[in-house]
Amino acid sequence: MWIRSTMAYRASFAMTTFGSFATTALEFVALLLMFSQVDALGGYTLPEIAVLYGLASTTFGAADMAVGSIERLGQRVRDGTLDTLLVRPAPALAQMAADRFALRRLGRILQGALVLGYALTGADIDWTVLKVLLMPVMLVSGFAIFCAVFVAGAAFQFVAQDAAEVQNAFTYGGTTMLQYPPTLFATELVRGVTFVLPLAFVNWVPGTYVLGRPYPLGLPQWVAFTPPLVAVACCALAGLAWRAGLRSYRSTGS
C-alpha cells in the first residue's frame, strides 16, 4: 500500500530518493576531505576505510528500509494507536515495519553499494576463496544484526515510551562509528561494540580479516567467520525482547 502510494507521485519519489542519496554521500565527502590532508587515518588508507564504510552503509540502509519504521513505536504506545495493530490478523512487528514504508531509503543503499564497489576495486586486498565468500556473508549478517538492533530498540520503547533518540544512538550512531576503522577508538569502546552490543561483527571483525589488518583486541582469525552466528543470536534475543515488551503493553486506558 505504501509503495503504491509512493509511486503515485513518481517525480516526488525520484527527488526524495536522490535527496537520500546525496545526503548520505556527504558523509563520504567528509572522508575525502580528510584524506586531502592525510595519507592514512588510523593506519588505514582511503580504499580500506571505504570498504568498511560501504559495508556499514549498505547493510544499515537495507535494515533501515526493511524495519526502520519501527522506531515510531513509542508514539503509537503513547497515543494508544498500537491497539489498532493488535486487533488485526497480522503480526504486530510486521505491521510496524511496514508502517509508512519509505522506498526512498533505496538512496542510502545505492550510495553505500557504489562506495563498496569502488573500494573493492581500489583496495590492495589479497583475495582468496574464503575472502570472496565472506563478502556476501558480511552483507547478509550485517543486515540481520542491524534489524535486531532496531527491533530491540523498539522493544525498549514499550517501557520508556519516548526513547526514539536513544534507539537512534545505537542505530544511526552505530553505523556512523562503523564507517571508520576500529583503531581510531578507545579499547573500551571497541570491546563494548564487540562483546556487549556486537555491531563490530557487521564489518570491523570480518572486514579487518579481508583487508589483512589485525583486529585491535587480538581476536583469532576464525572469529571473522562468526557473523552469521552473531546475527542469529542477536535476532533471537531481539525477538524475545519484542515479545516481552508486547506482553507488557497495557494500552493508554482510554
C-alpha atoms as a PDB file:
ATOM      1  CA  MET A   1       0.000   0.000   0.000  1.00  0.00           C
ATOM      2  CA  TRP A   2       2.733   2.430   0.953  1.00  0.00           C
ATOM      3  CA  ILE A   3       4.774   1.552  -2.150  1.00  0.00           C
ATOM      4  CA  ARG A   4       1.760   2.203  -4.393  1.00  0.00           C
ATOM      5  CA  SER A   5       1.140   5.469  -2.581  1.00  0.00           C
ATOM      6  CA  THR A   6       4.771   6.490  -3.126  1.00  0.00           C
ATOM      7  CA  MET A   7       4.792   5.573  -6.811  1.00  0.00           C
ATOM      8  CA  ALA A   8       1.651   7.614  -7.420  1.00  0.00           C
ATOM      9  CA  TYR A   9       3.950  10.662  -7.321  1.00  0.00           C
ATOM     10  CA  ARG A  10       6.961   9.460  -9.290  1.00  0.00           C
ATOM     11  CA  ALA A  11       8.691  12.829  -9.534  1.00  0.00           C
ATOM     12  CA  SER A  12       8.463  13.252  -5.764  1.00  0.00           C
ATOM     13  CA  PHE A  13       9.796   9.727  -5.267  1.00  0.00           C
ATOM     14  CA  ALA A  14      12.741  10.405  -7.589  1.00  0.00           C
ATOM     15  CA  MET A  15      13.609  13.666  -5.831  1.00  0.00           C
ATOM     16  CA  THR A  16      13.365  12.251  -2.308  1.00  0.00           C
ATOM     17  CA  THR A  17      15.409   9.191  -3.299  1.00  0.00           C
ATOM     18  CA  PHE A  18      18.079  11.431  -4.810  1.00  0.00           C
ATOM     19  CA  GLY A  19      17.963  13.571  -1.679  1.00  0.00           C
ATOM     20  CA  SER A  20      18.603  10.493   0.457  1.00  0.00           C
ATOM     21  CA  PHE A  21      21.454   9.506  -1.857  1.00  0.00           C
ATOM     22  CA  ALA A  22      23.016  12.999  -1.770  1.00  0.00           C
ATOM     23  CA  THR A  23      22.652  13.418   1.999  1.00  0.00           C
ATOM     24  CA  THR A  24      24.401  10.152   2.790  1.00  0.00           C
ATOM     25  CA  ALA A  25      27.014  10.841   0.101  1.00  0.00           C
ATOM     26  CA  LEU A  26      28.095  13.901   2.098  1.00  0.00           C
ATOM     27  CA  GLU A  27      29.352  11.515   4.795  1.00  0.00           C
ATOM     28  CA  PHE A  28      31.793  10.034   2.303  1.00  0.00           C
ATOM     29  CA  VAL A  29      32.694  13.501   1.043  1.00  0.00           C
ATOM     30  CA  ALA A  30      33.818  14.255   4.606  1.00  0.00           C
ATOM     31  CA  LEU A  31      36.183  11.278   4.379  1.00  0.00           C
ATOM     32  CA  LEU A  32      37.511  12.540   1.060  1.00  0.00           C
ATOM     33  CA  LEU A  33      38.190  15.935   2.613  1.00  0.00           C
ATOM     34  CA  MET A  34      40.104  14.287   5.458  1.00  0.00           C
ATOM     35  CA  PHE A  35      42.254  12.368   3.006  1.00  0.00           C
ATOM     36  CA  SER A  36      43.030  15.515   1.094  1.00  0.00           C
ATOM     37  CA  GLN A  37      45.190  16.391   4.107  1.00  0.00           C
ATOM     38  CA  VAL A  38      46.437  12.966   5.264  1.00  0.00           C
ATOM     39  CA  ASP A  39      47.578   9.735   3.616  1.00  0.00           C
ATOM     40  CA  ALA A  40      46.131   7.384   6.240  1.00  0.00           C
ATOM     41  CA  LEU A  41      43.603   7.505   9.056  1.00  0.00           C
ATOM     42  CA  GLY A  42      44.199   5.158  11.972  1.00  0.00           C
ATOM     43  CA  GLY A  43      46.676   3.312   9.770  1.00  0.00           C
ATOM     44  CA  TYR A  44      44.052   2.683   7.052  1.00  0.00           C
ATOM     45  CA  THR A  45      44.140   4.052   3.509  1.00  0.00           C
ATOM     46  CA  LEU A  46      41.113   5.635   1.830  1.00  0.00           C
ATOM     47  CA  PRO A  47      40.098   2.495  -0.138  1.00  0.00           C
ATOM     48  CA  GLU A  48      40.391   0.371   3.021  1.00  0.00           C
ATOM     49  CA  ILE A  49      38.173   2.734   5.000  1.00  0.00           C
ATOM     50  CA  ALA A  50      35.807   2.849   2.036  1.00  0.00           C
ATOM     51  CA  VAL A  51      35.384  -0.937   2.357  1.00  0.00           C
ATOM     52  CA  LEU A  52      34.261  -0.512   5.980  1.00  0.00           C
ATOM     53  CA  TYR A  53      32.113   2.482   5.027  1.00  0.00           C
ATOM     54  CA  GLY A  54      30.425   0.669   2.152  1.00  0.00           C
ATOM     55  CA  LEU A  55      29.644  -2.414   4.239  1.00  0.00           C
ATOM     56  CA  ALA A  56      28.191  -0.373   7.112  1.00  0.00           C
ATOM     57  CA  SER A  57      26.173   1.969   4.901  1.00  0.00           C
ATOM     58  CA  THR A  58      24.742  -0.746   2.656  1.00  0.00           C
ATOM     59  CA  THR A  59      23.700  -3.108   5.446  1.00  0.00           C
ATOM     60  CA  PHE A  60      22.287  -0.333   7.601  1.00  0.00           C
ATOM     61  CA  GLY A  61      20.416   1.156   4.652  1.00  0.00           C
ATOM     62  CA  ALA A  62      18.791  -2.201   3.887  1.00  0.00           C
ATOM     63  CA  ALA A  63      17.804  -2.698   7.545  1.00  0.00           C
ATOM     64  CA  ASP A  64      16.511   0.865   7.791  1.00  0.00           C
ATOM     65  CA  MET A  65      14.314   0.340   4.741  1.00  0.00           C
ATOM     66  CA  ALA A  66      13.044  -3.038   5.979  1.00  0.00           C
ATOM     67  CA  VAL A  67      12.297  -2.255   9.642  1.00  0.00           C
ATOM     68  CA  GLY A  68      13.308   1.378  10.220  1.00  0.00           C
ATOM     69  CA  SER A  69       9.691   2.479  10.595  1.00  0.00           C
ATOM     70  CA  ILE A  70       9.542   0.538  13.840  1.00  0.00           C
ATOM     71  CA  GLU A  71      11.211   3.466  15.604  1.00  0.00           C
ATOM     72  CA  ARG A  72       7.776   5.161  15.617  1.00  0.00           C
ATOM     73  CA  LEU A  73       6.532   2.583  18.129  1.00  0.00           C
ATOM     74  CA  GLY A  74       6.956   4.971  21.070  1.00  0.00           C
ATOM     75  CA  GLN A  75       4.469   7.410  19.576  1.00  0.00           C
ATOM     76  CA  ARG A  76       1.941   4.631  18.977  1.00  0.00           C
ATOM     77  CA  VAL A  77       2.355   3.448  22.572  1.00  0.00           C
ATOM     78  CA  ARG A  78       1.795   6.956  23.910  1.00  0.00           C
ATOM     79  CA  ASP A  79      -1.313   7.730  21.877  1.00  0.00           C
ATOM     80  CA  GLY A  80      -2.796   4.212  22.051  1.00  0.00           C
ATOM     81  CA  THR A  81      -2.906   3.641  18.274  1.00  0.00           C
ATOM     82  CA  LEU A  82      -0.891   0.445  18.725  1.00  0.00           C
ATOM     83  CA  ASP A  83      -4.214  -1.134  19.733  1.00  0.00           C
ATOM     84  CA  THR A  84      -5.308  -0.863  16.100  1.00  0.00           C
ATOM     85  CA  LEU A  85      -2.450  -3.089  15.013  1.00  0.00           C
ATOM     86  CA  LEU A  86      -3.044  -5.647  17.751  1.00  0.00           C
ATOM     87  CA  VAL A  87      -6.614  -6.388  16.656  1.00  0.00           C
ATOM     88  CA  ARG A  88      -5.631  -7.068  13.051  1.00  0.00           C
ATOM     89  CA  PRO A  89      -4.942 -10.666  11.912  1.00  0.00           C
ATOM     90  CA  ALA A  90      -1.252  -9.981  11.219  1.00  0.00           C
ATOM     91  CA  PRO A  91       1.881  -9.873  13.390  1.00  0.00           C
ATOM     92  CA  ALA A  92       2.322  -6.500  15.088  1.00  0.00           C
ATOM     93  CA  LEU A  93       6.048  -6.500  14.294  1.00  0.00           C
ATOM     94  CA  ALA A  94       5.411  -6.906  10.565  1.00  0.00           C
ATOM     95  CA  GLN A  95       2.768  -4.165  10.636  1.00  0.00           C
ATOM     96  CA  MET A  96       5.087  -1.753  12.446  1.00  0.00           C
ATOM     97  CA  ALA A  97       7.891  -2.466   9.980  1.00  0.00           C
ATOM     98  CA  ALA A  98       5.549  -1.821   7.051  1.00  0.00           C
ATOM     99  CA  ASP A  99       4.032   1.318   8.574  1.00  0.00           C
ATOM    100  CA  ARG A 100       4.874   4.307   6.338  1.00  0.00           C
ATOM    101  CA  PHE A 101       7.331   2.133   4.403  1.00  0.00           C
ATOM    102  CA  ALA A 102       9.788   4.543   2.749  1.00  0.00           C
ATOM    103  CA  LEU A 103      11.075   3.290  -0.586  1.00  0.00           C
ATOM    104  CA  ARG A 104      13.194   6.452  -0.852  1.00  0.00           C
ATOM    105  CA  ARG A 105      15.688   4.799   1.508  1.00  0.00           C
ATOM    106  CA  LEU A 106      16.988   3.000  -1.556  1.00  0.00           C
ATOM    107  CA  GLY A 107      19.152   6.093  -1.989  1.00  0.00           C
ATOM    108  CA  ARG A 108      21.292   5.182   1.016  1.00  0.00           C
ATOM    109  CA  ILE A 109      21.629   1.567  -0.140  1.00  0.00           C
ATOM    110  CA  LEU A 110      22.673   2.629  -3.634  1.00  0.00           C
ATOM    111  CA  GLN A 111      25.210   5.118  -2.297  1.00  0.00           C
ATOM    112  CA  GLY A 112      26.740   2.554   0.048  1.00  0.00           C
ATOM    113  CA  ALA A 113      26.878  -0.073  -2.703  1.00  0.00           C
ATOM    114  CA  LEU A 114      28.654   2.326  -5.073  1.00  0.00           C
ATOM    115  CA  VAL A 115      31.257   3.184  -2.429  1.00  0.00           C
ATOM    116  CA  LEU A 116      31.741  -0.515  -1.679  1.00  0.00           C
ATOM    117  CA  GLY A 117      32.221  -1.280  -5.361  1.00  0.00           C
ATOM    118  CA  TYR A 118      34.816   1.492  -5.672  1.00  0.00           C
ATOM    119  CA  ALA A 119      36.575   0.302  -2.530  1.00  0.00           C
ATOM    120  CA  LEU A 120      36.832  -3.338  -3.552  1.00  0.00           C
ATOM    121  CA  THR A 121      38.459  -2.362  -6.849  1.00  0.00           C
ATOM    122  CA  GLY A 122      40.801   0.194  -5.285  1.00  0.00           C
ATOM    123  CA  ALA A 123      41.887  -1.524  -2.068  1.00  0.00           C
ATOM    124  CA  ASP A 124      45.018  -3.668  -2.058  1.00  0.00           C
ATOM    125  CA  ILE A 125      43.353  -6.934  -0.998  1.00  0.00           C
ATOM    126  CA  ASP A 126      44.990 -10.326  -1.332  1.00  0.00           C
ATOM    127  CA  TRP A 127      41.867 -12.151  -2.466  1.00  0.00           C
ATOM    128  CA  THR A 128      41.327 -15.777  -1.504  1.00  0.00           C
ATOM    129  CA  VAL A 129      38.297 -18.049  -1.850  1.00  0.00           C
ATOM    130  CA  LEU A 130      37.428 -17.515   1.822  1.00  0.00           C
ATOM    131  CA  LYS A 131      37.569 -13.732   1.485  1.00  0.00           C
ATOM    132  CA  VAL A 132      35.369 -13.780  -1.600  1.00  0.00           C
ATOM    133  CA  LEU A 133      32.797 -15.978   0.150  1.00  0.00           C
ATOM    134  CA  LEU A 134      32.929 -13.766   3.236  1.00  0.00           C
ATOM    135  CA  MET A 135      31.715 -10.670   1.365  1.00  0.00           C
ATOM    136  CA  PRO A 136      28.067 -11.752   0.837  1.00  0.00           C
ATOM    137  CA  VAL A 137      28.077 -13.298   4.314  1.00  0.00           C
ATOM    138  CA  MET A 138      29.015  -9.909   5.778  1.00  0.00           C
ATOM    139  CA  LEU A 139      26.216  -8.155   3.886  1.00  0.00           C
ATOM    140  CA  VAL A 140      23.515 -10.595   4.976  1.00  0.00           C
ATOM    141  CA  SER A 141      24.759 -10.860   8.566  1.00  0.00           C
ATOM    142  CA  GLY A 142      25.175  -7.110   8.911  1.00  0.00           C
ATOM    143  CA  PHE A 143      21.636  -6.575   7.666  1.00  0.00           C
ATOM    144  CA  ALA A 144      20.302  -9.059  10.239  1.00  0.00           C
ATOM    145  CA  ILE A 145      22.311  -7.520  13.101  1.00  0.00           C
ATOM    146  CA  PHE A 146      21.048  -4.024  12.339  1.00  0.00           C
ATOM    147  CA  CYS A 147      17.473  -5.340  12.083  1.00  0.00           C
ATOM    148  CA  ALA A 148      17.893  -6.925  15.510  1.00  0.00           C
ATOM    149  CA  VAL A 149      19.120  -3.618  16.962  1.00  0.00           C
ATOM    150  CA  PHE A 150      16.088  -1.817  15.503  1.00  0.00           C
ATOM    151  CA  VAL A 151      13.694  -4.384  16.986  1.00  0.00           C
ATOM    152  CA  ALA A 152      15.421  -4.422  20.383  1.00  0.00           C
ATOM    153  CA  GLY A 153      15.320  -0.620  20.496  1.00  0.00           C
ATOM    154  CA  ALA A 154      11.616  -0.671  19.688  1.00  0.00           C
ATOM    155  CA  ALA A 155      11.013  -3.235  22.432  1.00  0.00           C
ATOM    156  CA  PHE A 156      12.661  -0.840  24.889  1.00  0.00           C
ATOM    157  CA  GLN A 157      10.111   1.801  23.902  1.00  0.00           C
ATOM    158  CA  PHE A 158       7.347  -0.322  25.375  1.00  0.00           C
ATOM    159  CA  VAL A 159       8.873   0.589  28.726  1.00  0.00           C
ATOM    160  CA  ALA A 160      10.367   4.040  28.075  1.00  0.00           C
ATOM    161  CA  GLN A 161       7.566   5.142  25.682  1.00  0.00           C
ATOM    162  CA  ASP A 162       9.679   8.052  24.426  1.00  0.00           C
ATOM    163  CA  ALA A 163      13.080   6.620  23.575  1.00  0.00           C
ATOM    164  CA  ALA A 164      13.366   7.060  19.802  1.00  0.00           C
ATOM    165  CA  GLU A 165      16.507   9.154  20.168  1.00  0.00           C
ATOM    166  CA  VAL A 166      18.072   6.568  22.483  1.00  0.00           C
ATOM    167  CA  GLN A 167      17.387   3.957  19.819  1.00  0.00           C
ATOM    168  CA  ASN A 168      18.885   6.221  17.142  1.00  0.00           C
ATOM    169  CA  ALA A 169      22.091   6.488  19.152  1.00  0.00           C
ATOM    170  CA  PHE A 170      22.678   2.769  18.579  1.00  0.00           C
ATOM    171  CA  THR A 171      21.331   2.533  15.013  1.00  0.00           C
ATOM    172  CA  TYR A 172      22.323   5.723  13.198  1.00  0.00           C
ATOM    173  CA  GLY A 173      25.125   6.384  15.675  1.00  0.00           C
ATOM    174  CA  GLY A 174      26.368   2.816  15.370  1.00  0.00           C
ATOM    175  CA  THR A 175      26.583   2.887  11.593  1.00  0.00           C
ATOM    176  CA  THR A 176      28.463   6.201  11.682  1.00  0.00           C
ATOM    177  CA  MET A 177      31.028   4.702  14.042  1.00  0.00           C
ATOM    178  CA  LEU A 178      31.433   1.572  11.910  1.00  0.00           C
ATOM    179  CA  GLN A 179      32.293   3.708   8.878  1.00  0.00           C
ATOM    180  CA  TYR A 180      35.678   4.428  10.466  1.00  0.00           C
ATOM    181  CA  PRO A 181      38.421   1.932  11.381  1.00  0.00           C
ATOM    182  CA  PRO A 182      38.417   0.466  14.908  1.00  0.00           C
ATOM    183  CA  THR A 183      41.955   1.748  15.506  1.00  0.00           C
ATOM    184  CA  LEU A 184      40.546   5.270  15.915  1.00  0.00           C
ATOM    185  CA  PHE A 185      38.534   4.407  19.012  1.00  0.00           C
ATOM    186  CA  ALA A 186      39.384   3.642  22.627  1.00  0.00           C
ATOM    187  CA  THR A 187      39.888  -0.009  23.502  1.00  0.00           C
ATOM    188  CA  GLU A 188      36.949   0.073  25.941  1.00  0.00           C
ATOM    189  CA  LEU A 189      34.589   1.232  23.205  1.00  0.00           C
ATOM    190  CA  VAL A 190      35.869  -1.425  20.807  1.00  0.00           C
ATOM    191  CA  ARG A 191      35.281  -4.061  23.496  1.00  0.00           C
ATOM    192  CA  GLY A 192      31.761  -2.731  24.054  1.00  0.00           C
ATOM    193  CA  VAL A 193      30.711  -2.989  20.404  1.00  0.00           C
ATOM    194  CA  THR A 194      32.353  -6.403  20.137  1.00  0.00           C
ATOM    195  CA  PHE A 195      31.181  -8.242  23.261  1.00  0.00           C
ATOM    196  CA  VAL A 196      28.188  -6.210  24.562  1.00  0.00           C
ATOM    197  CA  LEU A 197      26.397  -4.748  21.533  1.00  0.00           C
ATOM    198  CA  PRO A 198      28.120  -6.726  18.764  1.00  0.00           C
ATOM    199  CA  LEU A 199      27.962  -4.135  15.994  1.00  0.00           C
ATOM    200  CA  ALA A 200      31.632  -4.858  15.256  1.00  0.00           C
ATOM    201  CA  PHE A 201      30.548  -8.090  13.559  1.00  0.00           C
ATOM    202  CA  VAL A 202      28.809  -6.058  10.857  1.00  0.00           C
ATOM    203  CA  ASN A 203      32.115  -5.025   9.285  1.00  0.00           C
ATOM    204  CA  TRP A 204      35.009  -4.469  11.714  1.00  0.00           C
ATOM    205  CA  VAL A 205      35.760  -8.073  12.671  1.00  0.00           C
ATOM    206  CA  PRO A 206      35.268  -9.721   9.258  1.00  0.00           C
ATOM    207  CA  GLY A 207      36.429  -6.610   7.399  1.00  0.00           C
ATOM    208  CA  THR A 208      39.830  -6.483   9.057  1.00  0.00           C
ATOM    209  CA  TYR A 209      40.350 -10.104   8.020  1.00  0.00           C
ATOM    210  CA  VAL A 210      39.517  -9.296   4.399  1.00  0.00           C
ATOM    211  CA  LEU A 211      41.833  -6.280   4.479  1.00  0.00           C
ATOM    212  CA  GLY A 212      44.622  -8.248   6.147  1.00  0.00           C
ATOM    213  CA  ARG A 213      44.629  -5.987   9.204  1.00  0.00           C
ATOM    214  CA  PRO A 214      44.911  -7.155  12.835  1.00  0.00           C
ATOM    215  CA  TYR A 215      41.866  -6.519  14.972  1.00  0.00           C
ATOM    216  CA  PRO A 216      42.699  -4.206  17.936  1.00  0.00           C
ATOM    217  CA  LEU A 217      41.590  -6.780  20.528  1.00  0.00           C
ATOM    218  CA  GLY A 218      43.821  -9.501  19.126  1.00  0.00           C
ATOM    219  CA  LEU A 219      40.986 -11.900  18.306  1.00  0.00           C
ATOM    220  CA  PRO A 220      41.857 -15.090  16.399  1.00  0.00           C
ATOM    221  CA  GLN A 221      41.194 -15.084  12.645  1.00  0.00           C
ATOM    222  CA  TRP A 222      38.400 -17.663  12.829  1.00  0.00           C
ATOM    223  CA  VAL A 223      36.222 -15.093  14.615  1.00  0.00           C
ATOM    224  CA  ALA A 224      35.898 -13.297  11.263  1.00  0.00           C
ATOM    225  CA  PHE A 225      33.620 -16.132  10.125  1.00  0.00           C
ATOM    226  CA  THR A 226      31.218 -15.905  13.080  1.00  0.00           C
ATOM    227  CA  PRO A 227      28.946 -13.000  11.947  1.00  0.00           C
ATOM    228  CA  PRO A 228      26.143 -15.429  10.922  1.00  0.00           C
ATOM    229  CA  LEU A 229      26.143 -16.927  14.418  1.00  0.00           C
ATOM    230  CA  VAL A 230      26.178 -13.482  15.996  1.00  0.00           C
ATOM    231  CA  ALA A 231      23.330 -12.394  13.718  1.00  0.00           C
ATOM    232  CA  VAL A 232      21.199 -15.407  14.690  1.00  0.00           C
ATOM    233  CA  ALA A 233      21.856 -14.774  18.395  1.00  0.00           C
ATOM    234  CA  CYS A 234      21.007 -11.071  18.047  1.00  0.00           C
ATOM    235  CA  CYS A 235      17.770 -11.800  16.186  1.00  0.00           C
ATOM    236  CA  ALA A 236      16.752 -14.394  18.788  1.00  0.00           C
ATOM    237  CA  LEU A 237      17.386 -12.002  21.681  1.00  0.00           C
ATOM    238  CA  ALA A 238      15.616  -9.152  19.876  1.00  0.00           C
ATOM    239  CA  GLY A 239      12.639 -11.426  19.251  1.00  0.00           C
ATOM    240  CA  LEU A 240      12.457 -12.343  22.928  1.00  0.00           C
ATOM    241  CA  ALA A 241      12.692  -8.665  23.906  1.00  0.00           C
ATOM    242  CA  TRP A 242       9.899  -7.786  21.468  1.00  0.00           C
ATOM    243  CA  ARG A 243       7.609 -10.496  22.811  1.00  0.00           C
ATOM    244  CA  ALA A 244       8.313  -9.419  26.391  1.00  0.00           C
ATOM    245  CA  GLY A 245       7.588  -5.802  25.527  1.00  0.00           C
ATOM    246  CA  LEU A 246       4.382  -6.700  23.706  1.00  0.00           C
ATOM    247  CA  ARG A 247       3.168  -8.745  26.680  1.00  0.00           C
ATOM    248  CA  SER A 248       3.811  -5.801  28.994  1.00  0.00           C
ATOM    249  CA  TYR A 249       1.778  -3.374  26.870  1.00  0.00           C
ATOM    250  CA  ARG A 250      -1.301  -2.127  28.701  1.00  0.00           C
ATOM    251  CA  SER A 251      -2.636   0.488  26.254  1.00  0.00           C
ATOM    252  CA  THR A 252      -3.442   4.054  27.372  1.00  0.00           C
ATOM    253  CA  GLY A 253      -6.513   3.188  29.421  1.00  0.00           C
ATOM    254  CA  SER A 254      -8.751   5.434  27.327  1.00  0.00           C
END
